[in-house]
Amino acid sequence: MSFHDLHVQPEPLLLPNAWDAGSAIAFAAAGFPAVGTTSFGVNASTGRPDAGGASREATVALVHRLRSLPVYLTADIEDGYSDDPGEVAALVAGLGVAGVNLEDSADGRLVDPAIPAAKIRAIKAAAPDVFVNARVDSYWFHEDDTVEAVTARALTYAEAGADGFFVPGAADPATLEALAAAVPLPLNVLVVPGLSLGRLRDLGVRRVSTGSLPYRVAIDAAVDAAVAVRDGRPVPSATSYADMQRQLLDFARDADAG
């Protein structure tokens, strides 16, 4: 089954987003068929704020390190880290991943949809098998955040060759249903509190990404563990050192063999 095929199954593809090798290894061990990266988590793990292209070097290094995992990898490359379509296409072609997310915003604002459309065309020419998930940031930044405006952007990206479209920030059921019906591409959303995978499926959603949620939960859990020890509360349970070490040894062996 290809990465593309995962978007047309009876149930939506649940895509966990990793911020480092350890989190990706754990997601793969949990049985997820595909793992994405999160620019927020990748940036935060190196002490940088999200966006602005800061995640490029860390993301490239991470996906290259993870290519031996027995899962499909898709990379969050922000806006491609360049305004030049050829440079973006060359970057994607060299990643060796199954998919990428490409944003249609920069510096917290939407850009002319012709700009990401040109990048999508260049990517598909250079790496036709890569699943390009076109991210429409209208609801994320509350700019042109109507079904009509988002649909127009998504259709532009579909015409350019995008394989899916991602609308972070969209959470209203009627909005999701309208977008899924209006655009002939698999609809990707972030986890929506209160809407199960089954409900999202019924609305037409084909992929659900965890985004930076696992990273933020992990940080909260790490702080809570330390505070529990400090305050004399019961220490939370965790996967044993031996089990995690075994996962890392297996990964290192497979990476070296590859």
Protein backbone atom coordinates (compact mmCIF):
# COMPACT_ATOMS: atom_id res chain seq x y z
CA MET A 1 0.00 0.00 0.00
CA SER A 2 1.45 3.37 -1.03
CA PHE A 3 1.40 6.57 1.00
CA HIS A 4 -1.18 7.90 -1.45
CA ASP A 5 -3.34 4.82 -0.78
CA LEU A 6 -3.40 5.59 2.95
CA HIS A 7 -5.53 8.65 2.12
CA VAL A 8 -8.33 6.67 0.50
CA GLN A 9 -8.98 3.99 3.13
CA PRO A 10 -12.30 3.56 4.98
CA GLU A 11 -10.88 5.39 8.00
CA PRO A 12 -8.87 8.64 7.99
CA LEU A 13 -5.10 8.36 8.18
CA LEU A 14 -3.99 9.41 11.67
CA LEU A 15 -0.58 10.97 11.24
CA PRO A 16 1.52 11.47 14.40
CA ASN A 17 4.08 14.24 14.10
CA ALA A 18 7.58 13.68 15.47
CA TRP A 19 10.10 16.29 16.59
CA ASP A 20 13.20 14.08 16.92
CA ALA A 21 14.42 10.56 16.21
CA GLY A 22 13.24 9.21 19.55
CA SER A 23 9.65 10.33 19.06
CA ALA A 24 9.58 9.02 15.47
CA ILE A 25 10.97 5.65 16.57
CA ALA A 26 8.31 5.42 19.27
CA PHE A 27 5.49 6.26 16.83
CA ALA A 28 6.76 3.63 14.41
CA ALA A 29 6.99 1.06 17.20
CA ALA A 30 3.37 1.85 18.13
CA GLY A 31 2.29 0.67 14.69
CA PHE A 32 1.58 3.89 12.83
CA PRO A 33 2.12 3.33 9.08
CA ALA A 34 3.29 6.91 8.49
CA VAL A 35 5.01 9.57 10.58
CA GLY A 36 5.28 13.27 9.88
CA THR A 37 7.53 15.96 11.29
CA THR A 38 6.33 19.09 13.04
CA SER A 39 8.13 22.35 12.39
CA PHE A 40 7.05 23.65 15.80
CA GLY A 41 8.45 20.63 17.61
CA VAL A 42 11.63 20.53 15.54
CA ASN A 43 12.23 24.23 16.19
CA ALA A 44 11.33 24.03 19.87
CA SER A 45 13.68 21.08 20.41
CA THR A 46 16.54 23.32 19.28
CA GLY A 47 15.34 26.37 21.22
CA ARG A 48 13.94 28.30 18.28
CA PRO A 49 10.46 29.76 17.76
CA ASP A 50 8.35 28.30 14.97
CA ALA A 51 8.25 29.57 11.37
CA GLY A 52 10.70 31.84 9.61
CA GLY A 53 12.52 28.94 7.97
CA ALA A 54 14.49 28.10 11.10
CA SER A 55 13.63 24.40 10.90
CA ARG A 56 15.32 23.70 7.56
CA GLU A 57 18.65 22.22 8.68
CA ALA A 58 17.15 20.29 11.58
CA THR A 59 14.29 18.91 9.45
CA VAL A 60 16.61 17.80 6.65
CA ALA A 61 18.93 16.11 9.15
CA LEU A 62 16.00 14.45 10.93
CA VAL A 63 14.34 12.95 7.85
CA HIS A 64 17.68 11.71 6.54
CA ARG A 65 18.27 10.02 9.88
CA LEU A 66 14.81 8.44 9.89
CA ARG A 67 14.78 6.95 6.40
CA SER A 68 15.52 3.45 7.71
CA LEU A 69 12.28 3.35 9.72
CA PRO A 70 9.68 0.94 8.27
CA VAL A 71 7.10 3.72 7.86
CA TYR A 72 6.29 6.41 5.33
CA LEU A 73 7.80 9.78 6.22
CA THR A 74 6.31 13.14 5.38
CA ALA A 75 8.15 16.37 6.16
CA ASP A 76 6.81 19.72 7.29
CA ILE A 77 8.93 22.09 5.19
CA GLU A 78 7.07 25.29 6.09
CA ASP A 79 6.90 27.33 2.84
CA GLY A 80 9.77 25.39 1.27
CA TYR A 81 12.38 27.71 2.80
CA SER A 82 12.68 29.64 -0.45
CA ASP A 83 10.68 31.79 -2.88
CA ASP A 84 12.37 30.04 -5.79
CA PRO A 85 10.32 27.07 -7.05
CA GLY A 86 13.41 25.35 -8.41
CA GLU A 87 15.18 25.52 -5.06
CA VAL A 88 12.13 24.14 -3.27
CA ALA A 89 11.82 21.31 -5.80
CA ALA A 90 15.50 20.41 -5.43
CA LEU A 91 15.14 20.34 -1.65
CA VAL A 92 12.14 18.01 -1.80
CA ALA A 93 13.72 15.72 -4.39
CA GLY A 94 16.72 15.27 -2.10
CA LEU A 95 14.79 14.48 1.08
CA GLY A 96 13.84 10.93 0.17
CA VAL A 97 10.43 11.21 1.83
CA ALA A 98 6.97 10.05 0.80
CA GLY A 99 5.37 13.44 1.28
CA VAL A 100 5.75 17.07 2.24
CA ASN A 101 3.55 19.80 3.69
CA LEU A 102 3.88 23.13 1.90
CA GLU A 103 2.40 26.29 3.47
CA ASP A 104 0.82 29.18 1.60
CA SER A 105 1.88 31.79 4.13
CA ALA A 106 5.02 33.62 5.17
CA ASP A 107 5.71 35.78 8.22
CA GLY A 108 2.24 35.07 9.55
CA ARG A 109 0.37 36.25 6.44
CA LEU A 110 -1.11 34.55 3.41
CA VAL A 111 0.82 34.92 0.17
CA ASP A 112 -0.46 35.14 -3.38
CA PRO A 113 -1.65 31.58 -4.18
CA ALA A 114 0.33 31.72 -7.42
CA ILE A 115 3.53 31.50 -5.34
CA PRO A 116 2.86 28.12 -3.67
CA ALA A 117 1.22 26.89 -6.89
CA ALA A 118 4.48 27.47 -8.76
CA LYS A 119 6.37 25.57 -6.06
CA ILE A 120 3.92 22.67 -6.26
CA ARG A 121 4.34 22.43 -10.03
CA ALA A 122 8.12 22.42 -9.66
CA ILE A 123 8.03 19.74 -6.95
CA LYS A 124 5.78 17.47 -8.99
CA ALA A 125 8.07 17.87 -12.01
CA ALA A 126 11.18 17.01 -9.99
CA ALA A 127 9.67 14.38 -7.66
CA PRO A 128 6.35 13.20 -9.12
CA ASP A 129 5.84 10.43 -6.55
CA VAL A 130 6.06 12.74 -3.52
CA PHE A 131 2.67 13.46 -1.94
CA VAL A 132 2.36 17.24 -1.83
CA ASN A 133 -0.02 18.31 0.91
CA ALA A 134 -0.89 21.95 0.20
CA ARG A 135 -1.50 23.81 3.43
CA VAL A 136 -4.08 26.59 3.33
CA ASP A 137 -3.45 28.89 6.29
CA SER A 138 -6.59 31.02 6.07
CA TYR A 139 -8.16 29.70 9.30
CA TRP A 140 -4.80 29.48 11.05
CA PHE A 141 -4.18 33.20 10.66
CA HIS A 142 -7.84 34.27 10.43
CA GLU A 143 -7.30 35.82 7.03
CA ASP A 144 -9.76 35.23 4.18
CA ASP A 145 -11.17 32.51 6.42
CA THR A 146 -14.30 31.64 4.50
CA VAL A 147 -15.22 28.40 2.79
CA GLU A 148 -15.29 30.20 -0.56
CA ALA A 149 -11.83 31.75 -0.18
CA VAL A 150 -10.23 28.56 1.14
CA THR A 151 -11.84 26.52 -1.63
CA ALA A 152 -10.48 28.89 -4.27
CA ARG A 153 -6.95 28.54 -2.89
CA ALA A 154 -7.20 24.76 -2.59
CA LEU A 155 -8.48 24.42 -6.16
CA THR A 156 -5.54 26.50 -7.39
CA TYR A 157 -3.16 24.08 -5.66
CA ALA A 158 -5.07 21.07 -6.97
CA GLU A 159 -4.71 22.40 -10.51
CA ALA A 160 -0.97 22.82 -9.89
CA GLY A 161 -0.69 19.14 -8.97
CA ALA A 162 -1.16 18.96 -5.21
CA ASP A 163 -2.17 15.55 -3.87
CA GLY A 164 -3.97 16.73 -0.74
CA PHE A 165 -4.87 19.92 1.10
CA PHE A 166 -4.40 20.76 4.76
CA VAL A 167 -6.53 23.34 6.55
CA PRO A 168 -5.19 23.81 10.10
CA GLY A 169 -7.50 25.79 12.33
CA ALA A 170 -10.66 24.60 10.61
CA ALA A 171 -12.81 22.86 13.22
CA ASP A 172 -16.46 23.63 12.53
CA PRO A 173 -18.19 20.48 11.23
CA ALA A 174 -20.19 22.34 8.58
CA THR A 175 -17.01 24.03 7.32
CA LEU A 176 -15.10 20.75 7.11
CA GLU A 177 -17.95 19.05 5.28
CA ALA A 178 -18.22 21.91 2.79
CA LEU A 179 -14.48 21.93 2.10
CA ALA A 180 -14.31 18.17 1.64
CA ALA A 181 -17.19 18.33 -0.84
CA ALA A 182 -15.82 21.31 -2.79
CA VAL A 183 -12.21 20.20 -3.36
CA PRO A 184 -11.36 16.92 -5.15
CA LEU A 185 -8.36 16.20 -2.92
CA PRO A 186 -8.04 14.39 0.43
CA LEU A 187 -8.76 16.86 3.23
CA ASN A 188 -6.26 16.99 6.11
CA VAL A 189 -7.02 18.68 9.43
CA LEU A 190 -5.42 18.90 12.83
CA VAL A 191 -6.91 16.96 15.74
CA VAL A 192 -10.26 18.59 16.56
CA PRO A 193 -11.22 18.31 20.25
CA GLY A 194 -14.69 16.82 20.51
CA LEU A 195 -14.66 15.30 17.01
CA SER A 196 -13.65 11.65 16.84
CA LEU A 197 -11.91 10.09 13.86
CA GLY A 198 -15.23 8.49 12.98
CA ARG A 199 -17.03 11.82 13.01
CA LEU A 200 -14.30 13.45 10.94
CA ARG A 201 -14.53 10.56 8.49
CA ASP A 202 -18.25 11.17 8.12
CA LEU A 203 -17.54 14.83 7.37
CA GLY A 204 -15.19 13.84 4.54
CA VAL A 205 -11.81 14.24 6.27
CA ARG A 206 -9.20 11.79 4.98
CA ARG A 207 -6.17 12.63 7.14
CA VAL A 208 -5.82 13.88 10.71
CA SER A 209 -2.47 15.22 11.90
CA THR A 210 -1.46 15.55 15.53
CA GLY A 211 0.75 18.56 14.74
CA SER A 212 2.69 19.81 17.73
CA LEU A 213 0.24 18.27 20.23
CA PRO A 214 2.45 15.25 21.14
CA TYR A 215 5.47 17.51 21.66
CA ARG A 216 3.53 19.84 23.94
CA VAL A 217 2.02 16.93 25.86
CA ALA A 218 5.47 15.37 26.23
CA ILE A 219 6.92 18.57 27.67
CA ASP A 220 4.02 18.88 30.10
CA ALA A 221 4.50 15.25 31.15
CA ALA A 222 8.25 15.71 31.63
CA VAL A 223 7.72 18.73 33.86
CA ASP A 224 4.97 16.94 35.78
CA ALA A 225 7.27 13.96 36.43
CA ALA A 226 9.96 16.20 37.90
CA VAL A 227 7.43 18.16 39.94
CA ALA A 228 5.93 14.93 41.26
CA VAL A 229 9.31 13.84 42.62
CA ARG A 230 9.91 17.30 44.09
CA ASP A 231 6.48 17.45 45.73
CA GLY A 232 6.37 13.88 46.97
CA ARG A 233 3.56 12.77 44.67
CA PRO A 234 3.51 9.29 43.09
CA VAL A 235 5.96 9.05 40.21
CA PRO A 236 4.18 8.46 36.88
CA SER A 237 4.79 5.18 35.09
CA ALA A 238 6.88 5.12 31.92
CA THR A 239 8.31 2.74 29.35
CA SER A 240 11.35 1.10 30.87
CA TYR A 241 14.89 2.18 30.10
CA ALA A 242 15.61 -1.31 28.79
CA ASP A 243 12.71 -1.26 26.32
CA MET A 244 13.61 2.18 24.99
CA GLN A 245 17.27 1.25 24.75
CA ARG A 246 16.29 -1.86 22.78
CA GLN A 247 14.30 0.29 20.31
CA LEU A 248 17.27 2.60 19.86
CA LEU A 249 19.71 -0.27 19.36
CA ASP A 250 17.43 -1.82 16.74
CA PHE A 251 17.08 1.53 14.97
CA ALA A 252 20.84 2.15 15.01
CA ARG A 253 21.48 -1.31 13.57
CA ASP A 254 18.95 -0.82 10.77
CA ALA A 255 20.22 2.69 10.02
CA ASP A 256 23.80 1.47 9.80
CA ALA A 257 22.75 -1.44 7.57
CA GLY A 258 21.00 0.95 5.22
